[in-house]
PDB file of all heavy atoms in Angstrom:
ATOM      1  N   ASN A   1       0.884  -1.273   0.044  1.00  0.00           N
ATOM      2  CA  ASN A   1      -0.029  -0.047   0.003  1.00  0.00           C
ATOM      3  C   ASN A   1       0.860   1.299  -0.028  1.00  0.00           C
ATOM      4  O   ASN A   1       0.501   2.300   0.576  1.00  0.00           O
ATOM      5  CB  ASN A   1      -0.919   0.097   1.237  1.00  0.00           C
ATOM      6  CG  ASN A   1      -1.881  -1.158   1.210  1.00  0.00           C
ATOM      7  OD1 ASN A   1      -2.652  -1.342   0.236  1.00  0.00           O
ATOM      8  ND2 ASN A   1      -1.900  -1.968   2.304  1.00  0.00           N
ATOM      9  N   ILE A   2       2.055   1.166  -0.570  1.00  0.00           N
ATOM     10  CA  ILE A   2       3.033   2.223  -0.632  1.00  0.00           C
ATOM     11  C   ILE A   2       2.458   3.493  -1.181  1.00  0.00           C
ATOM     12  O   ILE A   2       2.642   4.621  -0.774  1.00  0.00           O
ATOM     13  CB  ILE A   2       4.330   1.843  -1.319  1.00  0.00           C
ATOM     14  CG1 ILE A   2       5.384   2.920  -1.161  1.00  0.00           C
ATOM     15  CG2 ILE A   2       4.071   1.402  -2.756  1.00  0.00           C
ATOM     16  CD1 ILE A   2       5.793   3.146   0.279  1.00  0.00           C
ATOM     17  N   TYR A   3       1.603   3.396  -2.192  1.00  0.00           N
ATOM     18  CA  TYR A   3       1.117   4.495  -2.925  1.00  0.00           C
ATOM     19  C   TYR A   3       0.052   5.257  -2.001  1.00  0.00           C
ATOM     20  O   TYR A   3      -0.035   6.530  -2.094  1.00  0.00           O
ATOM     21  CB  TYR A   3       0.418   4.109  -4.315  1.00  0.00           C
ATOM     22  CG  TYR A   3       1.454   3.542  -5.329  1.00  0.00           C
ATOM     23  CD1 TYR A   3       1.488   2.098  -5.576  1.00  0.00           C
ATOM     24  CD2 TYR A   3       2.421   4.406  -5.931  1.00  0.00           C
ATOM     25  CE1 TYR A   3       2.450   1.598  -6.357  1.00  0.00           C
ATOM     26  CE2 TYR A   3       3.317   3.826  -6.752  1.00  0.00           C
ATOM     27  CZ  TYR A   3       3.317   2.492  -7.063  1.00  0.00           C
ATOM     28  OH  TYR A   3       4.205   1.942  -7.887  1.00  0.00           O
ATOM     29  N   LEU A   4      -0.706   4.464  -1.367  1.00  0.00           N
ATOM     30  CA  LEU A   4      -1.614   5.141  -0.436  1.00  0.00           C
ATOM     31  C   LEU A   4      -1.004   5.885   0.614  1.00  0.00           C
ATOM     32  O   LEU A   4      -1.380   6.981   0.958  1.00  0.00           O
ATOM     33  CB  LEU A   4      -2.581   4.027   0.145  1.00  0.00           C
ATOM     34  CG  LEU A   4      -3.605   4.460   1.218  1.00  0.00           C
ATOM     35  CD1 LEU A   4      -4.637   5.439   0.591  1.00  0.00           C
ATOM     36  CD2 LEU A   4      -4.324   3.255   1.841  1.00  0.00           C
ATOM     37  N   ILE A   5       0.107   5.272   1.179  1.00  0.00           N
ATOM     38  CA  ILE A   5       0.790   5.934   2.206  1.00  0.00           C
ATOM     39  C   ILE A   5       1.460   7.243   1.745  1.00  0.00           C
ATOM     40  O   ILE A   5       1.475   8.313   2.403  1.00  0.00           O
ATOM     41  CB  ILE A   5       1.901   5.043   2.806  1.00  0.00           C
ATOM     42  CG1 ILE A   5       1.143   3.842   3.463  1.00  0.00           C
ATOM     43  CG2 ILE A   5       2.831   5.753   3.806  1.00  0.00           C
ATOM     44  CD1 ILE A   5       2.057   2.702   3.952  1.00  0.00           C
ATOM     45  N   ILE A   6       1.988   7.181   0.663  1.00  0.00           N
ATOM     46  CA  ILE A   6       2.703   8.375   0.006  1.00  0.00           C
ATOM     47  C   ILE A   6       1.670   9.462  -0.200  1.00  0.00           C
ATOM     48  O   ILE A   6       1.810  10.644   0.129  1.00  0.00           O
ATOM     49  CB  ILE A   6       3.393   8.069  -1.306  1.00  0.00           C
ATOM     50  CG1 ILE A   6       4.555   7.091  -1.067  1.00  0.00           C
ATOM     51  CG2 ILE A   6       3.920   9.272  -2.025  1.00  0.00           C
ATOM     52  CD1 ILE A   6       5.220   6.609  -2.275  1.00  0.00           C
ATOM     53  N   GLY A   7       0.490   9.138  -0.662  1.00  0.00           N
ATOM     54  CA  GLY A   7      -0.580  10.151  -0.859  1.00  0.00           C
ATOM     55  C   GLY A   7      -1.042  10.834   0.405  1.00  0.00           C
ATOM     56  O   GLY A   7      -1.228  11.999   0.470  1.00  0.00           O
ATOM     57  N   ILE A   8      -1.048  10.021   1.492  1.00  0.00           N
ATOM     58  CA  ILE A   8      -1.523  10.558   2.764  1.00  0.00           C
ATOM     59  C   ILE A   8      -0.458  11.535   3.317  1.00  0.00           C
ATOM     60  O   ILE A   8      -0.746  12.620   3.820  1.00  0.00           O
ATOM     61  CB  ILE A   8      -1.824   9.402   3.834  1.00  0.00           C
ATOM     62  CG1 ILE A   8      -3.051   8.648   3.359  1.00  0.00           C
ATOM     63  CG2 ILE A   8      -1.990   9.972   5.175  1.00  0.00           C
ATOM     64  CD1 ILE A   8      -3.293   7.344   4.159  1.00  0.00           C
ATOM     65  N   CYS A   9       0.790  11.198   3.079  1.00  0.00           N
ATOM     66  CA  CYS A   9       1.878  11.976   3.656  1.00  0.00           C
ATOM     67  C   CYS A   9       1.942  13.254   2.817  1.00  0.00           C
ATOM     68  O   CYS A   9       2.163  14.367   3.471  1.00  0.00           O
ATOM     69  CB  CYS A   9       3.187  11.215   3.438  1.00  0.00           C
ATOM     70  SG  CYS A   9       3.348   9.764   4.564  1.00  0.00           S
ATOM     71  N   MET A  10       1.744  13.270   1.569  1.00  0.00           N
ATOM     72  CA  MET A  10       1.782  14.462   0.758  1.00  0.00           C
ATOM     73  C   MET A  10       0.644  15.373   1.159  1.00  0.00           C
ATOM     74  O   MET A  10       0.753  16.614   1.266  1.00  0.00           O
ATOM     75  CB  MET A  10       1.763  14.200  -0.647  1.00  0.00           C
ATOM     76  CG  MET A  10       2.984  13.451  -1.247  1.00  0.00           C
ATOM     77  SD  MET A  10       2.961  13.136  -3.016  1.00  0.00           S
ATOM     78  CE  MET A  10       2.918  14.786  -3.614  1.00  0.00           C
ATOM     79  N   GLY A  11      -0.521  14.788   1.406  1.00  0.00           N
ATOM     80  CA  GLY A  11      -1.666  15.580   1.744  1.00  0.00           C
ATOM     81  C   GLY A  11      -1.522  16.271   3.099  1.00  0.00           C
ATOM     82  O   GLY A  11      -1.799  17.492   3.312  1.00  0.00           O
ATOM     83  N   LEU A  12      -0.892  15.583   4.072  1.00  0.00           N
ATOM     84  CA  LEU A  12      -0.645  16.200   5.317  1.00  0.00           C
ATOM     85  C   LEU A  12       0.350  17.328   5.273  1.00  0.00           C
ATOM     86  O   LEU A  12       0.290  18.394   5.989  1.00  0.00           O
ATOM     87  CB  LEU A  12      -0.197  15.192   6.311  1.00  0.00           C
ATOM     88  CG  LEU A  12      -1.247  14.074   6.769  1.00  0.00           C
ATOM     89  CD1 LEU A  12      -0.516  12.993   7.653  1.00  0.00           C
ATOM     90  CD2 LEU A  12      -2.312  14.768   7.570  1.00  0.00           C
ATOM     91  N   SER A  13       1.413  17.133   4.420  1.00  0.00           N
ATOM     92  CA  SER A  13       2.464  18.122   4.237  1.00  0.00           C
ATOM     93  C   SER A  13       1.841  19.418   3.708  1.00  0.00           C
ATOM     94  O   SER A  13       2.122  20.484   4.147  1.00  0.00           O
ATOM     95  CB  SER A  13       3.556  17.561   3.332  1.00  0.00           C
ATOM     96  OG  SER A  13       4.259  16.476   3.973  1.00  0.00           O
ATOM     97  N   LEU A  14       1.039  19.213   2.619  1.00  0.00           N
ATOM     98  CA  LEU A  14       0.395  20.484   2.004  1.00  0.00           C
ATOM     99  C   LEU A  14      -0.518  21.193   2.972  1.00  0.00           C
ATOM    100  O   LEU A  14      -0.574  22.453   3.000  1.00  0.00           O
ATOM    101  CB  LEU A  14      -0.434  19.980   0.775  1.00  0.00           C
ATOM    102  CG  LEU A  14       0.468  19.584  -0.453  1.00  0.00           C
ATOM    103  CD1 LEU A  14      -0.397  19.085  -1.572  1.00  0.00           C
ATOM    104  CD2 LEU A  14       1.238  20.745  -0.974  1.00  0.00           C
ATOM    105  N   SER A  15      -1.250  20.431   3.804  1.00  0.00           N
ATOM    106  CA  SER A  15      -2.196  21.086   4.733  1.00  0.00           C
ATOM    107  C   SER A  15      -1.411  21.902   5.794  1.00  0.00           C
ATOM    108  O   SER A  15      -1.862  22.977   6.175  1.00  0.00           O
ATOM    109  CB  SER A  15      -3.067  20.076   5.425  1.00  0.00           C
ATOM    110  OG  SER A  15      -2.227  19.224   6.187  1.00  0.00           O
ATOM    111  N   LEU A  16      -0.227  21.371   6.260  1.00  0.00           N
ATOM    112  CA  LEU A  16       0.503  22.075   7.123  1.00  0.00           C
ATOM    113  C   LEU A  16       1.132  23.333   6.527  1.00  0.00           C
ATOM    114  O   LEU A  16       1.263  24.423   7.176  1.00  0.00           O
ATOM    115  CB  LEU A  16       1.599  21.183   7.705  1.00  0.00           C
ATOM    116  CG  LEU A  16       1.148  19.957   8.553  1.00  0.00           C
ATOM    117  CD1 LEU A  16       2.390  19.095   8.951  1.00  0.00           C
ATOM    118  CD2 LEU A  16       0.598  20.504   9.859  1.00  0.00           C
ATOM    119  N   PHE A  17       1.498  23.219   5.294  1.00  0.00           N
ATOM    120  CA  PHE A  17       2.103  24.471   4.620  1.00  0.00           C
ATOM    121  C   PHE A  17       1.088  25.612   4.454  1.00  0.00           C
ATOM    122  O   PHE A  17       1.500  26.703   4.522  1.00  0.00           O
ATOM    123  CB  PHE A  17       2.708  23.944   3.201  1.00  0.00           C
ATOM    124  CG  PHE A  17       3.275  25.051   2.405  1.00  0.00           C
ATOM    125  CD1 PHE A  17       4.555  25.589   2.824  1.00  0.00           C
ATOM    126  CD2 PHE A  17       2.631  25.598   1.414  1.00  0.00           C
ATOM    127  CE1 PHE A  17       5.049  26.643   2.019  1.00  0.00           C
ATOM    128  CE2 PHE A  17       3.113  26.634   0.668  1.00  0.00           C
ATOM    129  CZ  PHE A  17       4.416  27.094   0.988  1.00  0.00           C
ATOM    130  N   LEU A  18      -0.121  25.294   4.253  1.00  0.00           N
ATOM    131  CA  LEU A  18      -1.205  26.317   3.966  1.00  0.00           C
ATOM    132  C   LEU A  18      -1.910  26.777   5.177  1.00  0.00           C
ATOM    133  O   LEU A  18      -2.829  27.526   5.133  1.00  0.00           O
ATOM    134  CB  LEU A  18      -2.212  25.799   2.928  1.00  0.00           C
ATOM    135  CG  LEU A  18      -1.582  25.504   1.587  1.00  0.00           C
ATOM    136  CD1 LEU A  18      -2.706  24.857   0.649  1.00  0.00           C
ATOM    137  CD2 LEU A  18      -1.031  26.758   0.864  1.00  0.00           C
ATOM    138  N   VAL A  19      -1.554  26.351   6.371  1.00  0.00           N
ATOM    139  CA  VAL A  19      -2.289  26.768   7.510  1.00  0.00           C
ATOM    140  C   VAL A  19      -2.372  28.190   7.868  1.00  0.00           C
ATOM    141  O   VAL A  19      -3.357  28.712   8.090  1.00  0.00           O
ATOM    142  CB  VAL A  19      -1.713  25.920   8.784  1.00  0.00           C
ATOM    143  CG1 VAL A  19      -2.140  26.611  10.089  1.00  0.00           C
ATOM    144  CG2 VAL A  19      -2.173  24.557   8.715  1.00  0.00           C
ATOM    145  N   PRO A  20      -1.227  28.969   7.782  1.00  0.00           N
ATOM    146  CA  PRO A  20      -1.302  30.422   8.068  1.00  0.00           C
ATOM    147  C   PRO A  20      -2.227  31.237   7.212  1.00  0.00           C
ATOM    148  O   PRO A  20      -3.059  32.012   7.577  1.00  0.00           O
ATOM    149  CB  PRO A  20       0.095  30.905   8.005  1.00  0.00           C
ATOM    150  CG  PRO A  20       0.920  29.652   8.141  1.00  0.00           C
ATOM    151  CD  PRO A  20       0.176  28.594   7.520  1.00  0.00           C
ATOM    152  N   VAL A  21      -2.256  30.931   5.813  1.00  0.00           N
ATOM    153  CA  VAL A  21      -3.054  31.626   4.927  1.00  0.00           C
ATOM    154  C   VAL A  21      -4.491  31.325   5.178  1.00  0.00           C
ATOM    155  O   VAL A  21      -5.478  32.145   5.276  1.00  0.00           O
ATOM    156  CB  VAL A  21      -2.722  31.269   3.433  1.00  0.00           C
ATOM    157  CG1 VAL A  21      -3.583  31.965   2.478  1.00  0.00           C
ATOM    158  CG2 VAL A  21      -1.318  31.651   3.218  1.00  0.00           C
ATOM    159  N   ASN A  22      -4.861  30.133   5.289  1.00  0.00           N
ATOM    160  CA  ASN A  22      -6.339  29.663   5.476  1.00  0.00           C
ATOM    161  C   ASN A  22      -6.840  30.208   6.825  1.00  0.00           C
ATOM    162  O   ASN A  22      -7.967  30.726   6.882  1.00  0.00           O
ATOM    163  CB  ASN A  22      -6.364  28.254   5.493  1.00  0.00           C
ATOM    164  CG  ASN A  22      -6.146  27.589   4.155  1.00  0.00           C
ATOM    165  OD1 ASN A  22      -6.331  28.392   3.140  1.00  0.00           O
ATOM    166  ND2 ASN A  22      -5.789  26.301   4.074  1.00  0.00           N
ATOM    167  N   ASP A  23      -5.953  30.314   7.855  1.00  0.00           N
ATOM    168  CA  ASP A  23      -6.467  30.799   9.113  1.00  0.00           C
ATOM    169  C   ASP A  23      -6.825  32.304   9.009  1.00  0.00           C
ATOM    170  O   ASP A  23      -7.707  32.777   9.505  1.00  0.00           O
ATOM    171  CB  ASP A  23      -5.407  30.569  10.184  1.00  0.00           C
ATOM    172  CG  ASP A  23      -5.294  29.132  10.584  1.00  0.00           C
ATOM    173  OD1 ASP A  23      -6.238  28.359  10.265  1.00  0.00           O
ATOM    174  OD2 ASP A  23      -4.268  28.760  11.235  1.00  0.00           O
ATOM    175  N   PHE A  24      -5.905  33.073   8.232  1.00  0.00           N
ATOM    176  CA  PHE A  24      -6.226  34.533   8.130  1.00  0.00           C
ATOM    177  C   PHE A  24      -7.542  34.849   7.441  1.00  0.00           C
ATOM    178  O   PHE A  24      -8.359  35.674   7.796  1.00  0.00           O
ATOM    179  CB  PHE A  24      -5.001  35.178   7.348  1.00  0.00           C
ATOM    180  CG  PHE A  24      -5.123  36.577   7.109  1.00  0.00           C
ATOM    181  CD1 PHE A  24      -4.970  37.505   8.102  1.00  0.00           C
ATOM    182  CD2 PHE A  24      -5.482  37.044   5.831  1.00  0.00           C
ATOM    183  CE1 PHE A  24      -5.136  38.856   7.900  1.00  0.00           C
ATOM    184  CE2 PHE A  24      -5.754  38.418   5.618  1.00  0.00           C
ATOM    185  CZ  PHE A  24      -5.486  39.295   6.670  1.00  0.00           C
ATOM    186  N   GLU A  25      -7.680  34.036   6.328  1.00  0.00           N
ATOM    187  CA  GLU A  25      -9.015  34.189   5.549  1.00  0.00           C
ATOM    188  C   GLU A  25     -10.136  33.820   6.419  1.00  0.00           C
ATOM    189  O   GLU A  25     -11.206  34.515   6.451  1.00  0.00           O
ATOM    190  CB  GLU A  25      -9.015  33.362   4.323  1.00  0.00           C
ATOM    191  CG  GLU A  25      -7.995  33.862   3.310  1.00  0.00           C
ATOM    192  CD  GLU A  25      -7.962  33.107   1.975  1.00  0.00           C
ATOM    193  OE1 GLU A  25      -8.618  32.039   2.057  1.00  0.00           O
ATOM    194  OE2 GLU A  25      -7.348  33.442   1.087  1.00  0.00           O
ATOM    195  N   ASN A  26     -10.022  32.716   7.149  1.00  0.00           N
ATOM    196  CA  ASN A  26     -11.118  32.300   8.024  1.00  0.00           C
ATOM    197  C   ASN A  26     -11.452  33.361   9.062  1.00  0.00           C
ATOM    198  O   ASN A  26     -12.577  33.606   9.516  1.00  0.00           O
ATOM    199  CB  ASN A  26     -10.771  30.968   8.770  1.00  0.00           C
ATOM    200  CG  ASN A  26     -10.845  29.876   7.688  1.00  0.00           C
ATOM    201  OD1 ASN A  26     -11.474  29.990   6.613  1.00  0.00           O
ATOM    202  ND2 ASN A  26     -10.101  28.735   7.938  1.00  0.00           N
ATOM    203  N   GLU A  27     -10.376  33.954   9.602  1.00  0.00           N
ATOM    204  CA  GLU A  27     -10.527  35.020  10.617  1.00  0.00           C
ATOM    205  C   GLU A  27     -11.323  36.245  10.061  1.00  0.00           C
ATOM    206  O   GLU A  27     -12.300  36.797  10.740  1.00  0.00           O
ATOM    207  CB  GLU A  27      -9.152  35.550  11.216  1.00  0.00           C
ATOM    208  CG  GLU A  27      -8.551  34.483  12.104  1.00  0.00           C
ATOM    209  CD  GLU A  27      -7.184  34.988  12.530  1.00  0.00           C
ATOM    210  OE1 GLU A  27      -6.772  36.190  12.205  1.00  0.00           O
ATOM    211  OE2 GLU A  27      -6.527  34.164  13.205  1.00  0.00           O
ATOM    212  N   GLU A  28     -11.045  36.595   8.859  1.00  0.00           N
ATOM    213  CA  GLU A  28     -11.699  37.714   8.202  1.00  0.00           C
ATOM    214  C   GLU A  28     -13.164  37.397   7.981  1.00  0.00           C
ATOM    215  O   GLU A  28     -14.088  38.165   8.246  1.00  0.00           O
ATOM    216  CB  GLU A  28     -11.142  38.083   6.892  1.00  0.00           C
ATOM    217  CG  GLU A  28      -9.795  38.904   7.014  1.00  0.00           C
ATOM    218  CD  GLU A  28      -9.360  39.326   5.683  1.00  0.00           C
ATOM    219  OE1 GLU A  28      -9.726  38.793   4.668  1.00  0.00           O
ATOM    220  OE2 GLU A  28      -8.455  40.310   5.626  1.00  0.00           O
ATOM    221  N   LYS A  29     -13.372  36.143   7.515  1.00  0.00           N
ATOM    222  CA  LYS A  29     -14.788  35.650   7.261  1.00  0.00           C
ATOM    223  C   LYS A  29     -15.522  35.639   8.586  1.00  0.00           C
ATOM    224  O   LYS A  29     -16.766  36.051   8.666  1.00  0.00           O
ATOM    225  CB  LYS A  29     -14.805  34.359   6.569  1.00  0.00           C
ATOM    226  CG  LYS A  29     -14.201  34.379   5.185  1.00  0.00           C
ATOM    227  CD  LYS A  29     -14.250  32.926   4.570  1.00  0.00           C
ATOM    228  CE  LYS A  29     -13.624  33.053   3.152  1.00  0.00           C
ATOM    229  NZ  LYS A  29     -13.616  31.672   2.532  1.00  0.00           N
ATOM    230  N   MET A  30     -14.939  35.023   9.623  1.00  0.00           N
ATOM    231  CA  MET A  30     -15.592  35.004  10.888  1.00  0.00           C
ATOM    232  C   MET A  30     -15.866  36.427  11.451  1.00  0.00           C
ATOM    233  O   MET A  30     -17.015  36.622  12.018  1.00  0.00           O
ATOM    234  CB  MET A  30     -14.811  34.304  11.903  1.00  0.00           C
ATOM    235  CG  MET A  30     -14.587  32.761  11.520  1.00  0.00           C
ATOM    236  SD  MET A  30     -16.204  31.894  11.472  1.00  0.00           S
ATOM    237  CE  MET A  30     -16.628  32.000  13.239  1.00  0.00           C
ATOM    238  N   GLU A  31     -14.961  37.337  11.260  1.00  0.00           N
ATOM    239  CA  GLU A  31     -15.232  38.634  11.725  1.00  0.00           C
ATOM    240  C   GLU A  31     -16.416  39.348  11.035  1.00  0.00           C
ATOM    241  O   GLU A  31     -17.242  39.946  11.617  1.00  0.00           O
ATOM    242  CB  GLU A  31     -13.962  39.488  11.628  1.00  0.00           C
ATOM    243  CG  GLU A  31     -14.103  40.954  12.130  1.00  0.00           C
ATOM    244  CD  GLU A  31     -12.897  41.753  12.055  1.00  0.00           C
ATOM    245  OE1 GLU A  31     -11.839  41.170  11.437  1.00  0.00           O
ATOM    246  OE2 GLU A  31     -12.831  42.881  12.389  1.00  0.00           O
ATOM    247  N   TYR A  32     -16.441  39.184   9.678  1.00  0.00           N
ATOM    248  CA  TYR A  32     -17.474  39.771   8.922  1.00  0.00           C
ATOM    249  C   TYR A  32     -18.770  39.188   9.249  1.00  0.00           C
ATOM    250  O   TYR A  32     -19.808  39.844   9.378  1.00  0.00           O
ATOM    251  CB  TYR A  32     -17.133  39.451   7.365  1.00  0.00           C
ATOM    252  CG  TYR A  32     -18.284  40.029   6.451  1.00  0.00           C
ATOM    253  CD1 TYR A  32     -18.418  41.373   6.265  1.00  0.00           C
ATOM    254  CD2 TYR A  32     -19.104  39.090   5.680  1.00  0.00           C
ATOM    255  CE1 TYR A  32     -19.478  41.859   5.385  1.00  0.00           C
ATOM    256  CE2 TYR A  32     -20.103  39.558   4.937  1.00  0.00           C
ATOM    257  CZ  TYR A  32     -20.214  40.897   4.759  1.00  0.00           C
ATOM    258  OH  TYR A  32     -21.236  41.330   3.866  1.00  0.00           O
ATOM    259  N   VAL A  33     -18.844  37.743   9.417  1.00  0.00           N
ATOM    260  CA  VAL A  33     -20.111  37.062   9.842  1.00  0.00           C
ATOM    261  C   VAL A  33     -20.538  37.635  11.201  1.00  0.00           C
ATOM    262  O   VAL A  33     -21.714  37.835  11.452  1.00  0.00           O
ATOM    263  CB  VAL A  33     -19.891  35.602   9.820  1.00  0.00           C
ATOM    264  CG1 VAL A  33     -21.096  34.907  10.442  1.00  0.00           C
ATOM    265  CG2 VAL A  33     -19.728  35.132   8.407  1.00  0.00           C
ATOM    266  N   SER A  34     -19.542  37.832  12.116  1.00  0.00           N
ATOM    267  CA  SER A  34     -19.829  38.315  13.451  1.00  0.00           C
ATOM    268  C   SER A  34     -20.442  39.720  13.365  1.00  0.00           C
ATOM    269  O   SER A  34     -21.444  39.948  14.067  1.00  0.00           O
ATOM    270  CB  SER A  34     -18.586  38.301  14.357  1.00  0.00           C
ATOM    271  OG  SER A  34     -18.798  38.829  15.525  1.00  0.00           O
ATOM    272  N   GLN A  35     -19.887  40.521  12.496  1.00  0.00           N
ATOM    273  CA  GLN A  35     -20.563  41.887  12.359  1.00  0.00           C
ATOM    274  C   GLN A  35     -21.925  41.828  11.842  1.00  0.00           C
ATOM    275  O   GLN A  35     -22.817  42.582  12.310  1.00  0.00           O
ATOM    276  CB  GLN A  35     -19.666  42.671  11.443  1.00  0.00           C
ATOM    277  CG  GLN A  35     -18.301  43.097  12.110  1.00  0.00           C
ATOM    278  CD  GLN A  35     -17.393  43.914  11.084  1.00  0.00           C
ATOM    279  OE1 GLN A  35     -17.771  44.038   9.959  1.00  0.00           O
ATOM    280  NE2 GLN A  35     -16.236  44.286  11.537  1.00  0.00           N
ATOM    281  N   LEU A  36     -22.200  41.035  10.835  1.00  0.00           N
ATOM    282  CA  LEU A  36     -23.516  40.905  10.342  1.00  0.00           C
ATOM    283  C   LEU A  36     -24.460  40.428  11.339  1.00  0.00           C
ATOM    284  O   LEU A  36     -25.580  40.898  11.446  1.00  0.00           O
ATOM    285  CB  LEU A  36     -23.544  39.974   9.098  1.00  0.00           C
ATOM    286  CG  LEU A  36     -22.832  40.458   7.799  1.00  0.00           C
ATOM    287  CD1 LEU A  36     -22.842  39.428   6.803  1.00  0.00           C
ATOM    288  CD2 LEU A  36     -23.569  41.750   7.349  1.00  0.00           C
ATOM    289  N   SER A  37     -24.019  39.405  12.143  1.00  0.00           N
ATOM    290  CA  SER A  37     -24.928  38.860  13.248  1.00  0.00           C
ATOM    291  C   SER A  37     -25.198  39.892  14.207  1.00  0.00           C
ATOM    292  O   SER A  37     -26.348  40.135  14.674  1.00  0.00           O
ATOM    293  CB  SER A  37     -24.253  37.664  13.814  1.00  0.00           C
ATOM    294  OG  SER A  37     -23.927  36.712  12.868  1.00  0.00           O
ATOM    295  N   HIS A  38     -24.144  40.684  14.591  1.00  0.00           N
ATOM    296  CA  HIS A  38     -24.356  41.748  15.583  1.00  0.00           C
ATOM    297  C   HIS A  38     -25.368  42.807  15.087  1.00  0.00           C
ATOM    298  O   HIS A  38     -26.204  43.231  15.755  1.00  0.00           O
ATOM    299  CB  HIS A  38     -23.007  42.351  15.920  1.00  0.00           C
ATOM    300  CG  HIS A  38     -23.159  43.589  16.906  1.00  0.00           C
ATOM    301  ND1 HIS A  38     -23.413  43.241  18.277  1.00  0.00           N
ATOM    302  CD2 HIS A  38     -23.018  44.843  16.776  1.00  0.00           C
ATOM    303  CE1 HIS A  38     -23.489  44.484  18.852  1.00  0.00           C
ATOM    304  NE2 HIS A  38     -23.209  45.466  17.960  1.00  0.00           N
ATOM    305  N   THR A  39     -25.109  43.231  13.785  1.00  0.00           N
ATOM    306  CA  THR A  39     -26.062  44.240  13.248  1.00  0.00           C
ATOM    307  C   THR A  39     -27.509  43.781  13.080  1.00  0.00           C
ATOM    308  O   THR A  39     -28.424  44.443  13.349  1.00  0.00           O
ATOM    309  CB  THR A  39     -25.495  44.645  11.778  1.00  0.00           C
ATOM    310  OG1 THR A  39     -24.272  45.088  11.863  1.00  0.00           O
ATOM    311  CG2 THR A  39     -26.453  45.779  11.138  1.00  0.00           C
ATOM    312  N   HIS A  40     -27.652  42.416  12.717  1.00  0.00           N
ATOM    313  CA  HIS A  40     -28.897  41.854  12.579  1.00  0.00           C
ATOM    314  C   HIS A  40     -29.635  41.809  13.939  1.00  0.00           C
ATOM    315  O   HIS A  40     -30.854  42.069  14.057  1.00  0.00           O
ATOM    316  CB  HIS A  40     -28.853  40.449  12.052  1.00  0.00           C
ATOM    317  CG  HIS A  40     -30.168  39.810  11.913  1.00  0.00           C
ATOM    318  ND1 HIS A  40     -31.045  40.165  10.950  1.00  0.00           N
ATOM    319  CD2 HIS A  40     -30.667  38.737  12.578  1.00  0.00           C
ATOM    320  CE1 HIS A  40     -32.149  39.364  11.016  1.00  0.00           C
ATOM    321  NE2 HIS A  40     -31.908  38.477  12.053  1.00  0.00           N
ATOM    322  N   GLU A  41     -28.875  41.465  14.929  1.00  0.00           N
ATOM    323  CA  GLU A  41     -29.511  41.376  16.280  1.00  0.00           C
ATOM    324  C   GLU A  41     -29.869  42.779  16.851  1.00  0.00           C
ATOM    325  O   GLU A  41     -30.783  42.909  17.544  1.00  0.00           O
ATOM    326  CB  GLU A  41     -28.441  40.708  17.294  1.00  0.00           C
ATOM    327  CG  GLU A  41     -28.193  39.200  16.880  1.00  0.00           C
ATOM    328  CD  GLU A  41     -27.203  38.668  17.717  1.00  0.00           C
ATOM    329  OE1 GLU A  41     -26.601  39.376  18.551  1.00  0.00           O
ATOM    330  OE2 GLU A  41     -26.921  37.420  17.577  1.00  0.00           O
TER     331      GLU A  41
END
């Protein structure tokens, strides 16, 4: 199952590499959603 293992390893490596960018975008989205929720309430 060497090919399966290699694929899992590569996927984990890419996810770790993209963590800072994704977290920043998610923070902006969460902040925008929070503002909308606050205004709506």
